[in-house]
PDB file of N, CA and C in Angstrom:
ATOM      1  N   ALA A   1     -38.067  80.370 -52.296  1.00  0.00           N
ATOM      2  CA  ALA A   1     -37.431  81.121 -51.218  1.00  0.00           C
ATOM      3  C   ALA A   1     -36.794  80.154 -50.243  1.00  0.00           C
ATOM      4  N   CYS A   2     -35.843  80.620 -49.541  1.00  0.00           N
ATOM      5  CA  CYS A   2     -35.160  79.783 -48.559  1.00  0.00           C
ATOM      6  C   CYS A   2     -36.044  79.581 -47.351  1.00  0.00           C
ATOM      7  N   GLY A   3     -35.797  78.506 -46.623  1.00  0.00           N
ATOM      8  CA  GLY A   3     -36.579  78.199 -45.445  1.00  0.00           C
ATOM      9  C   GLY A   3     -36.510  79.271 -44.376  1.00  0.00           C
ATOM     10  N   ASN A   4     -35.439  80.072 -44.358  1.00  0.00           N
ATOM     11  CA  ASN A   4     -35.323  81.106 -43.337  1.00  0.00           C
ATOM     12  C   ASN A   4     -35.961  82.420 -43.770  1.00  0.00           C
ATOM     13  N   ASN A   5     -36.723  82.398 -44.856  1.00  0.00           N
ATOM     14  CA  ASN A   5     -37.511  83.541 -45.320  1.00  0.00           C
ATOM     15  C   ASN A   5     -36.669  84.785 -45.539  1.00  0.00           C
ATOM     16  N   ILE A   6     -35.548  84.645 -46.245  1.00  0.00           N
ATOM     17  CA  ILE A   6     -34.706  85.788 -46.586  1.00  0.00           C
ATOM     18  C   ILE A   6     -35.511  86.794 -47.393  1.00  0.00           C
ATOM     19  N   HIS A   7     -36.327  86.306 -48.286  1.00  0.00           N
ATOM     20  CA  HIS A   7     -37.154  87.164 -49.129  1.00  0.00           C
ATOM     21  C   HIS A   7     -38.617  86.938 -48.777  1.00  0.00           C
ATOM     22  N   SER A   8     -39.382  88.003 -48.713  1.00  0.00           N
ATOM     23  CA  SER A   8     -40.822  87.827 -48.578  1.00  0.00           C
ATOM     24  C   SER A   8     -41.365  87.311 -49.906  1.00  0.00           C
ATOM     25  N   ASP A   9     -42.564  86.782 -49.884  1.00  0.00           N
ATOM     26  CA  ASP A   9     -43.179  86.286 -51.119  1.00  0.00           C
ATOM     27  C   ASP A   9     -43.246  87.380 -52.178  1.00  0.00           C
ATOM     28  N   GLN A  10     -43.685  88.557 -51.792  1.00  0.00           N
ATOM     29  CA  GLN A  10     -43.818  89.663 -52.745  1.00  0.00           C
ATOM     30  C   GLN A  10     -42.454  90.066 -53.306  1.00  0.00           C
ATOM     31  N   ALA A  11     -41.450  90.146 -52.444  1.00  0.00           N
ATOM     32  CA  ALA A  11     -40.115  90.522 -52.899  1.00  0.00           C
ATOM     33  C   ALA A  11     -39.545  89.470 -53.845  1.00  0.00           C
ATOM     34  N   MET A  12     -39.806  88.193 -53.556  1.00  0.00           N
ATOM     35  CA  MET A  12     -39.304  87.128 -54.426  1.00  0.00           C
ATOM     36  C   MET A  12     -39.982  87.181 -55.790  1.00  0.00           C
ATOM     37  N   MET A  13     -41.281  87.400 -55.812  1.00  0.00           N
ATOM     38  CA  MET A  13     -41.986  87.527 -57.097  1.00  0.00           C
ATOM     39  C   MET A  13     -41.447  88.714 -57.892  1.00  0.00           C
ATOM     40  N   GLU A  14     -41.210  89.817 -57.217  1.00  0.00           N
ATOM     41  CA  GLU A  14     -40.663  90.996 -57.895  1.00  0.00           C
ATOM     42  C   GLU A  14     -39.273  90.709 -58.450  1.00  0.00           C
ATOM     43  N   LEU A  15     -38.453  89.976 -57.701  1.00  0.00           N
ATOM     44  CA  LEU A  15     -37.121  89.618 -58.168  1.00  0.00           C
ATOM     45  C   LEU A  15     -37.191  88.715 -59.398  1.00  0.00           C
ATOM     46  N   ILE A  16     -38.016  87.690 -59.338  1.00  0.00           N
ATOM     47  CA  ILE A  16     -38.176  86.767 -60.473  1.00  0.00           C
ATOM     48  C   ILE A  16     -38.592  87.537 -61.721  1.00  0.00           C
ATOM     49  N   LEU A  17     -39.567  88.413 -61.578  1.00  0.00           N
ATOM     50  CA  LEU A  17     -40.067  89.173 -62.725  1.00  0.00           C
ATOM     51  C   LEU A  17     -39.089  90.237 -63.193  1.00  0.00           C
ATOM     52  N   SER A  18     -38.371  90.872 -62.274  1.00  0.00           N
ATOM     53  CA  SER A  18     -37.421  91.904 -62.697  1.00  0.00           C
ATOM     54  C   SER A  18     -36.265  91.295 -63.480  1.00  0.00           C
ATOM     55  N   ILE A  19     -35.804  90.129 -63.071  1.00  0.00           N
ATOM     56  CA  ILE A  19     -34.755  89.446 -63.826  1.00  0.00           C
ATOM     57  C   ILE A  19     -35.250  89.137 -65.235  1.00  0.00           C
ATOM     58  N   ALA A  20     -36.478  88.651 -65.339  1.00  0.00           N
ATOM     59  CA  ALA A  20     -37.046  88.333 -66.654  1.00  0.00           C
ATOM     60  C   ALA A  20     -37.204  89.588 -67.509  1.00  0.00           C
ATOM     61  N   THR A  21     -37.607  90.681 -66.901  1.00  0.00           N
ATOM     62  CA  THR A  21     -37.818  91.929 -67.640  1.00  0.00           C
ATOM     63  C   THR A  21     -36.496  92.522 -68.118  1.00  0.00           C
ATOM     64  N   GLU A  22     -35.477  92.423 -67.295  1.00  0.00           N
ATOM     65  CA  GLU A  22     -34.183  93.046 -67.601  1.00  0.00           C
ATOM     66  C   GLU A  22     -33.339  92.246 -68.591  1.00  0.00           C
ATOM     67  N   ASP A  23     -33.599  90.964 -68.715  1.00  0.00           N
ATOM     68  CA  ASP A  23     -32.765  90.097 -69.549  1.00  0.00           C
ATOM     69  C   ASP A  23     -33.519  89.750 -70.829  1.00  0.00           C
ATOM     70  N   GLY A  24     -33.061  90.273 -71.943  1.00  0.00           N
ATOM     71  CA  GLY A  24     -33.724  90.069 -73.226  1.00  0.00           C
ATOM     72  C   GLY A  24     -33.745  88.624 -73.701  1.00  0.00           C
ATOM     73  N   ARG A  25     -32.908  87.773 -73.114  1.00  0.00           N
ATOM     74  CA  ARG A  25     -32.909  86.358 -73.498  1.00  0.00           C
ATOM     75  C   ARG A  25     -34.098  85.617 -72.900  1.00  0.00           C
ATOM     76  N   ILE A  26     -34.701  86.189 -71.856  1.00  0.00           N
ATOM     77  CA  ILE A  26     -35.848  85.552 -71.205  1.00  0.00           C
ATOM     78  C   ILE A  26     -37.122  86.027 -71.878  1.00  0.00           C
ATOM     79  N   ARG A  27     -37.885  85.084 -72.407  1.00  0.00           N
ATOM     80  CA  ARG A  27     -39.092  85.416 -73.177  1.00  0.00           C
ATOM     81  C   ARG A  27     -40.366  85.253 -72.368  1.00  0.00           C
ATOM     82  N   ALA A  28     -40.350  84.386 -71.350  1.00  0.00           N
ATOM     83  CA  ALA A  28     -41.551  84.150 -70.544  1.00  0.00           C
ATOM     84  C   ALA A  28     -41.139  83.532 -69.212  1.00  0.00           C
ATOM     85  N   VAL A  29     -42.042  83.628 -68.235  1.00  0.00           N
ATOM     86  CA  VAL A  29     -41.841  83.015 -66.926  1.00  0.00           C
ATOM     87  C   VAL A  29     -43.076  82.187 -66.609  1.00  0.00           C
ATOM     88  N   ILE A  30     -42.860  80.975 -66.146  1.00  0.00           N
ATOM     89  CA  ILE A  30     -43.959  80.103 -65.737  1.00  0.00           C
ATOM     90  C   ILE A  30     -43.791  79.818 -64.248  1.00  0.00           C
ATOM     91  N   LEU A  31     -44.813  80.084 -63.476  1.00  0.00           N
ATOM     92  CA  LEU A  31     -44.816  79.774 -62.049  1.00  0.00           C
ATOM     93  C   LEU A  31     -45.673  78.542 -61.850  1.00  0.00           C
ATOM     94  N   ASN A  32     -45.128  77.559 -61.125  1.00  0.00           N
ATOM     95  CA  ASN A  32     -45.927  76.372 -60.819  1.00  0.00           C
ATOM     96  C   ASN A  32     -45.682  75.970 -59.374  1.00  0.00           C
ATOM     97  N   GLY A  33     -46.271  74.896 -58.943  1.00  0.00           N
ATOM     98  CA  GLY A  33     -46.153  74.491 -57.550  1.00  0.00           C
ATOM     99  C   GLY A  33     -47.167  75.208 -56.681  1.00  0.00           C
ATOM    100  N   SER A  34     -46.936  75.166 -55.384  1.00  0.00           N
ATOM    101  CA  SER A  34     -47.930  75.686 -54.445  1.00  0.00           C
ATOM    102  C   SER A  34     -48.133  77.195 -54.546  1.00  0.00           C
ATOM    103  N   HIS A  35     -47.125  77.946 -54.979  1.00  0.00           N
ATOM    104  CA  HIS A  35     -47.308  79.391 -55.132  1.00  0.00           C
ATOM    105  C   HIS A  35     -48.226  79.741 -56.303  1.00  0.00           C
ATOM    106  N   ALA A  36     -48.403  78.812 -57.209  1.00  0.00           N
ATOM    107  CA  ALA A  36     -49.268  79.065 -58.352  1.00  0.00           C
ATOM    108  C   ALA A  36     -50.738  78.790 -58.040  1.00  0.00           C
ATOM    109  N   SER A  37     -51.010  78.211 -56.877  1.00  0.00           N
ATOM    110  CA  SER A  37     -52.376  77.850 -56.505  1.00  0.00           C
ATOM    111  C   SER A  37     -52.924  78.811 -55.453  1.00  0.00           C
ATOM    112  N   LEU A  38     -54.077  79.348 -55.708  1.00  0.00           N
ATOM    113  CA  LEU A  38     -54.727  80.229 -54.733  1.00  0.00           C
ATOM    114  C   LEU A  38     -55.225  79.453 -53.521  1.00  0.00           C
ATOM    115  N   ASN A  39     -55.376  78.135 -53.657  1.00  0.00           N
ATOM    116  CA  ASN A  39     -55.910  77.299 -52.584  1.00  0.00           C
ATOM    117  C   ASN A  39     -54.827  76.589 -51.773  1.00  0.00           C
ATOM    118  N   ALA A  40     -53.571  76.854 -52.053  1.00  0.00           N
ATOM    119  CA  ALA A  40     -52.491  76.159 -51.358  1.00  0.00           C
ATOM    120  C   ALA A  40     -52.428  76.580 -49.895  1.00  0.00           C
ATOM    121  N   THR A  41     -52.210  75.619 -49.024  1.00  0.00           N
ATOM    122  CA  THR A  41     -52.140  75.909 -47.585  1.00  0.00           C
ATOM    123  C   THR A  41     -50.790  75.517 -46.995  1.00  0.00           C
ATOM    124  N   ASP A  42     -49.870  75.079 -47.812  1.00  0.00           N
ATOM    125  CA  ASP A  42     -48.551  74.648 -47.356  1.00  0.00           C
ATOM    126  C   ASP A  42     -47.756  75.856 -46.867  1.00  0.00           C
ATOM    127  N   ARG A  43     -47.382  75.884 -45.590  1.00  0.00           N
ATOM    128  CA  ARG A  43     -46.646  77.032 -45.072  1.00  0.00           C
ATOM    129  C   ARG A  43     -45.165  77.002 -45.454  1.00  0.00           C
ATOM    130  N   PHE A  44     -44.711  75.896 -46.029  1.00  0.00           N
ATOM    131  CA  PHE A  44     -43.329  75.775 -46.481  1.00  0.00           C
ATOM    132  C   PHE A  44     -43.244  75.868 -48.001  1.00  0.00           C
ATOM    133  N   GLN A  45     -43.993  76.774 -48.573  1.00  0.00           N
ATOM    134  CA  GLN A  45     -44.035  76.920 -50.018  1.00  0.00           C
ATOM    135  C   GLN A  45     -42.678  77.360 -50.563  1.00  0.00           C
ATOM    136  N   ASP A  46     -42.261  76.714 -51.622  1.00  0.00           N
ATOM    137  CA  ASP A  46     -41.083  77.122 -52.368  1.00  0.00           C
ATOM    138  C   ASP A  46     -41.555  77.777 -53.656  1.00  0.00           C
ATOM    139  N   PHE A  47     -40.653  78.490 -54.289  1.00  0.00           N
ATOM    140  CA  PHE A  47     -40.956  79.083 -55.588  1.00  0.00           C
ATOM    141  C   PHE A  47     -40.413  78.163 -56.665  1.00  0.00           C
ATOM    142  N   TYR A  48     -41.293  77.604 -57.455  1.00  0.00           N
ATOM    143  CA  TYR A  48     -40.910  76.792 -58.601  1.00  0.00           C
ATOM    144  C   TYR A  48     -41.299  77.588 -59.836  1.00  0.00           C
ATOM    145  N   PHE A  49     -40.300  77.983 -60.594  1.00  0.00           N
ATOM    146  CA  PHE A  49     -40.590  78.754 -61.794  1.00  0.00           C
ATOM    147  C   PHE A  49     -39.638  78.328 -62.901  1.00  0.00           C
ATOM    148  N   ILE A  50     -40.050  78.618 -64.114  1.00  0.00           N
ATOM    149  CA  ILE A  50     -39.282  78.271 -65.300  1.00  0.00           C
ATOM    150  C   ILE A  50     -39.136  79.533 -66.136  1.00  0.00           C
ATOM    151  N   TYR A  51     -37.906  79.831 -66.524  1.00  0.00           N
ATOM    152  CA  TYR A  51     -37.674  80.890 -67.495  1.00  0.00           C
ATOM    153  C   TYR A  51     -37.631  80.238 -68.875  1.00  0.00           C
ATOM    154  N   ILE A  52     -38.438  80.727 -69.784  1.00  0.00           N
ATOM    155  CA  ILE A  52     -38.382  80.311 -71.186  1.00  0.00           C
ATOM    156  C   ILE A  52     -37.411  81.271 -71.866  1.00  0.00           C
ATOM    157  N   VAL A  53     -36.326  80.722 -72.415  1.00  0.00           N
ATOM    158  CA  VAL A  53     -35.245  81.564 -72.924  1.00  0.00           C
ATOM    159  C   VAL A  53     -34.964  81.298 -74.399  1.00  0.00           C
ATOM    160  N   THR A  54     -34.281  82.263 -75.016  1.00  0.00           N
ATOM    161  CA  THR A  54     -33.940  82.123 -76.436  1.00  0.00           C
ATOM    162  C   THR A  54     -32.719  81.240 -76.652  1.00  0.00           C
ATOM    163  N   ASP A  55     -31.775  81.226 -75.699  1.00  0.00           N
ATOM    164  CA  ASP A  55     -30.543  80.447 -75.851  1.00  0.00           C
ATOM    165  C   ASP A  55     -30.112  79.921 -74.489  1.00  0.00           C
ATOM    166  N   VAL A  56     -30.463  78.702 -74.172  1.00  0.00           N
ATOM    167  CA  VAL A  56     -30.176  78.132 -72.854  1.00  0.00           C
ATOM    168  C   VAL A  56     -28.674  78.008 -72.595  1.00  0.00           C
ATOM    169  N   SER A  57     -27.875  77.841 -73.635  1.00  0.00           N
ATOM    170  CA  SER A  57     -26.436  77.641 -73.434  1.00  0.00           C
ATOM    171  C   SER A  57     -25.784  78.844 -72.768  1.00  0.00           C
ATOM    172  N   THR A  58     -26.265  80.049 -73.015  1.00  0.00           N
ATOM    173  CA  THR A  58     -25.674  81.232 -72.386  1.00  0.00           C
ATOM    174  C   THR A  58     -25.948  81.271 -70.883  1.00  0.00           C
ATOM    175  N   PHE A  59     -27.032  80.679 -70.447  1.00  0.00           N
ATOM    176  CA  PHE A  59     -27.332  80.591 -69.016  1.00  0.00           C
ATOM    177  C   PHE A  59     -26.494  79.505 -68.345  1.00  0.00           C
ATOM    178  N   ILE A  60     -26.244  78.422 -69.054  1.00  0.00           N
ATOM    179  CA  ILE A  60     -25.470  77.312 -68.509  1.00  0.00           C
ATOM    180  C   ILE A  60     -23.991  77.678 -68.394  1.00  0.00           C
ATOM    181  N   MET A  61     -23.470  78.401 -69.384  1.00  0.00           N
ATOM    182  CA  MET A  61     -22.050  78.747 -69.383  1.00  0.00           C
ATOM    183  C   MET A  61     -21.716  79.824 -68.352  1.00  0.00           C
ATOM    184  N   GLY A  62     -22.635  80.709 -68.065  1.00  0.00           N
ATOM    185  CA  GLY A  62     -22.393  81.778 -67.104  1.00  0.00           C
ATOM    186  C   GLY A  62     -23.399  81.705 -65.973  1.00  0.00           C
ATOM    187  N   LEU A  63     -23.061  81.039 -64.897  1.00  0.00           N
ATOM    188  CA  LEU A  63     -24.024  80.769 -63.829  1.00  0.00           C
ATOM    189  C   LEU A  63     -24.139  81.884 -62.793  1.00  0.00           C
ATOM    190  N   THR A  64     -23.425  82.973 -62.956  1.00  0.00           N
ATOM    191  CA  THR A  64     -23.483  84.041 -61.962  1.00  0.00           C
ATOM    192  C   THR A  64     -24.853  84.712 -61.894  1.00  0.00           C
ATOM    193  N   TRP A  65     -25.676  84.582 -62.920  1.00  0.00           N
ATOM    194  CA  TRP A  65     -27.014  85.177 -62.891  1.00  0.00           C
ATOM    195  C   TRP A  65     -27.846  84.593 -61.749  1.00  0.00           C
ATOM    196  N   ILE A  66     -27.527  83.381 -61.338  1.00  0.00           N
ATOM    197  CA  ILE A  66     -28.247  82.717 -60.254  1.00  0.00           C
ATOM    198  C   ILE A  66     -28.029  83.435 -58.919  1.00  0.00           C
ATOM    199  N   ASP A  67     -26.880  84.080 -58.773  1.00  0.00           N
ATOM    200  CA  ASP A  67     -26.522  84.712 -57.505  1.00  0.00           C
ATOM    201  C   ASP A  67     -27.484  85.820 -57.079  1.00  0.00           C
ATOM    202  N   ARG A  68     -28.252  86.363 -58.002  1.00  0.00           N
ATOM    203  CA  ARG A  68     -29.229  87.400 -57.635  1.00  0.00           C
ATOM    204  C   ARG A  68     -30.317  86.866 -56.705  1.00  0.00           C
ATOM    205  N   PHE A  69     -30.492  85.560 -56.678  1.00  0.00           N
ATOM    206  CA  PHE A  69     -31.510  84.952 -55.823  1.00  0.00           C
ATOM    207  C   PHE A  69     -31.014  84.707 -54.404  1.00  0.00           C
ATOM    208  N   GLY A  70     -29.735  84.871 -54.163  1.00  0.00           N
ATOM    209  CA  GLY A  70     -29.168  84.646 -52.844  1.00  0.00           C
ATOM    210  C   GLY A  70     -28.016  83.668 -52.914  1.00  0.00           C
ATOM    211  N   GLU A  71     -27.506  83.322 -51.754  1.00  0.00           N
ATOM    212  CA  GLU A  71     -26.372  82.418 -51.674  1.00  0.00           C
ATOM    213  C   GLU A  71     -26.768  81.028 -52.181  1.00  0.00           C
ATOM    214  N   ARG A  72     -25.903  80.454 -52.996  1.00  0.00           N
ATOM    215  CA  ARG A  72     -26.151  79.114 -53.525  1.00  0.00           C
ATOM    216  C   ARG A  72     -25.902  78.077 -52.444  1.00  0.00           C
ATOM    217  N   MET A  73     -26.822  77.148 -52.311  1.00  0.00           N
ATOM    218  CA  MET A  73     -26.648  76.048 -51.369  1.00  0.00           C
ATOM    219  C   MET A  73     -26.199  74.789 -52.092  1.00  0.00           C
ATOM    220  N   ILE A  74     -26.752  74.561 -53.284  1.00  0.00           N
ATOM    221  CA  ILE A  74     -26.430  73.388 -54.102  1.00  0.00           C
ATOM    222  C   ILE A  74     -26.471  73.834 -55.552  1.00  0.00           C
ATOM    223  N   LEU A  75     -25.536  73.312 -56.338  1.00  0.00           N
ATOM    224  CA  LEU A  75     -25.569  73.596 -57.771  1.00  0.00           C
ATOM    225  C   LEU A  75     -25.194  72.343 -58.515  1.00  0.00           C
TER     226      LEU A  75
END
């Protein structure tokens, strides 16, 4: 999530999972980093996740799928 908390934690998790559910190329989602730990105390937690996909080239060639997460700052 962005530092200005555009999305709540729950809304961001729902977005990550809904994208995975709606896109048949995505086979699994892995969450890691501080959000994956029940004991994390970092108030600046970011969402680090990995989509396991069937064909990575289709994601690389069409980057508009990223826009569902919000405005791009760096690509």
